[in-house]
């Protein structure tokens, strides 16, 4: 998520849509996030309730199989709207795990 933030720093929807390197890099980073969500499975839901894990996993499927039909505007919306709460939830979960590793999944 930090890489996506770094890649998109200073960009807006219009400039993002014109920057092929950022588009491809963000898509790949989102694919990695989706794959991590897939591997974590129910642990992700337990650690970060309220996060739309199914949609995150689904985005990965679309990036893998419908890559030629991915709307850049939708990708930008994910970066702008969906990533900040996900990052916050994941950081909070990691902090809880570090503080009391025996009490968490």
Foldseek 3Di string as FASTA:
>chain_A
DVVLCVLCVPHDLVVCVVDVVSLVVLLVVLLVVLVVLVVCPVLCCVQQPPQPNVVSVVSNVCCVPVVVPDDSSVSRCCSVPVPVVVVVSVVVSVVVCVVPVVVGD
